[in-house]
Amino acid sequence: MTFERRALRADDVAIEILYCGVCHSDIHQARNEWGIAVYPLMPGHEIVGRVTATGANATK
């Protein structure tokens, strides 16, 4: 699956994801055990990354 990212907005931060953890809630979601999954599904929400760009209003 491919997609295009929109242009960075003033309050946005772009992150290059280096690592991603998969936790137990991701497994529930992938198996649709909660009945709310939308496929295709990309599990993993605990990330480590590097900031690659910031919008004009983004601060530390």
C-alpha atoms as a PDB file:
ATOM      1  CA  MET A   1       0.000   0.000   0.000  1.00  0.00           C
ATOM      2  CA  THR A   2       1.324   3.433  -0.854  1.00  0.00           C
ATOM      3  CA  PHE A   3       0.091   6.829   0.183  1.00  0.00           C
ATOM      4  CA  GLU A   4       1.200  10.423  -0.038  1.00  0.00           C
ATOM      5  CA  ARG A   5       1.683  12.641   2.966  1.00  0.00           C
ATOM      6  CA  ARG A   6       0.171  16.087   2.994  1.00  0.00           C
ATOM      7  CA  ALA A   7       2.401  19.130   3.381  1.00  0.00           C
ATOM      8  CA  LEU A   8       3.541  19.877   6.924  1.00  0.00           C
ATOM      9  CA  ARG A   9       1.203  22.309   8.672  1.00  0.00           C
ATOM     10  CA  ALA A  10       2.256  25.013  11.133  1.00  0.00           C
ATOM     11  CA  ASP A  11       1.773  22.874  14.277  1.00  0.00           C
ATOM     12  CA  ASP A  12       3.022  19.570  12.806  1.00  0.00           C
ATOM     13  CA  VAL A  13       6.172  17.588  13.510  1.00  0.00           C
ATOM     14  CA  ALA A  14       7.479  15.011  11.019  1.00  0.00           C
ATOM     15  CA  ILE A  15       9.176  11.989  12.579  1.00  0.00           C
ATOM     16  CA  GLU A  16      11.300   9.295  10.945  1.00  0.00           C
ATOM     17  CA  ILE A  17      10.237   6.151  12.807  1.00  0.00           C
ATOM     18  CA  LEU A  18      13.269   4.096  13.819  1.00  0.00           C
ATOM     19  CA  TYR A  19      11.662   1.482  16.085  1.00  0.00           C
ATOM     20  CA  CYS A  20       8.126   0.451  16.924  1.00  0.00           C
ATOM     21  CA  GLY A  21       6.844  -1.736  19.737  1.00  0.00           C
ATOM     22  CA  VAL A  22       3.793  -3.946  19.423  1.00  0.00           C
ATOM     23  CA  CYS A  23       1.820  -4.300  22.635  1.00  0.00           C
ATOM     24  CA  HIS A  24      -1.075  -6.533  23.600  1.00  0.00           C
ATOM     25  CA  SER A  25      -3.697  -3.978  22.540  1.00  0.00           C
ATOM     26  CA  ASP A  26      -2.247  -4.127  19.008  1.00  0.00           C
ATOM     27  CA  ILE A  27      -2.872  -7.893  18.954  1.00  0.00           C
ATOM     28  CA  HIS A  28      -6.494  -7.375  20.038  1.00  0.00           C
ATOM     29  CA  GLN A  29      -6.905  -4.799  17.286  1.00  0.00           C
ATOM     30  CA  ALA A  30      -5.272  -6.983  14.600  1.00  0.00           C
ATOM     31  CA  ARG A  31      -7.605  -9.860  15.509  1.00  0.00           C
ATOM     32  CA  ASN A  32     -10.586  -7.469  15.628  1.00  0.00           C
ATOM     33  CA  GLU A  33     -11.416  -8.711  19.122  1.00  0.00           C
ATOM     34  CA  TRP A  34     -12.963  -5.330  19.967  1.00  0.00           C
ATOM     35  CA  GLY A  35     -15.000  -5.228  16.746  1.00  0.00           C
ATOM     36  CA  ILE A  36     -13.684  -1.841  15.609  1.00  0.00           C
ATOM     37  CA  ALA A  37     -10.726  -2.726  13.359  1.00  0.00           C
ATOM     38  CA  VAL A  38     -10.476  -1.138   9.930  1.00  0.00           C
ATOM     39  CA  TYR A  39      -8.317  -3.099   7.481  1.00  0.00           C
ATOM     40  CA  PRO A  40      -5.671  -2.832   6.213  1.00  0.00           C
ATOM     41  CA  LEU A  41      -4.358  -2.269   9.716  1.00  0.00           C
ATOM     42  CA  MET A  42      -0.893  -1.125  10.790  1.00  0.00           C
ATOM     43  CA  PRO A  43      -0.278  -2.259  14.383  1.00  0.00           C
ATOM     44  CA  GLY A  44       2.186  -0.504  16.630  1.00  0.00           C
ATOM     45  CA  HIS A  45       1.820   2.850  18.338  1.00  0.00           C
ATOM     46  CA  GLU A  46       4.780   2.922  20.721  1.00  0.00           C
ATOM     47  CA  ILE A  47       7.484   4.489  18.583  1.00  0.00           C
ATOM     48  CA  VAL A  48      11.010   5.809  18.827  1.00  0.00           C
ATOM     49  CA  GLY A  49      12.043   8.213  16.120  1.00  0.00           C
ATOM     50  CA  ARG A  50      13.973  11.214  14.953  1.00  0.00           C
ATOM     51  CA  VAL A  51      12.388  14.589  14.232  1.00  0.00           C
ATOM     52  CA  THR A  52      13.033  15.381  10.566  1.00  0.00           C
ATOM     53  CA  ALA A  53      10.986  18.566  10.125  1.00  0.00           C
ATOM     54  CA  THR A  54       8.827  20.954  12.125  1.00  0.00           C
ATOM     55  CA  GLY A  55       6.078  23.371  11.216  1.00  0.00           C
ATOM     56  CA  ALA A  56       6.533  27.084  11.842  1.00  0.00           C
ATOM     57  CA  ASN A  57       4.653  27.005  15.184  1.00  0.00           C
ATOM     58  CA  ALA A  58       6.139  23.777  16.577  1.00  0.00           C
ATOM     59  CA  THR A  59       8.324  24.183  19.662  1.00  0.00           C
ATOM     60  CA  LYS A  60      10.138  21.845  22.036  1.00  0.00           C
END
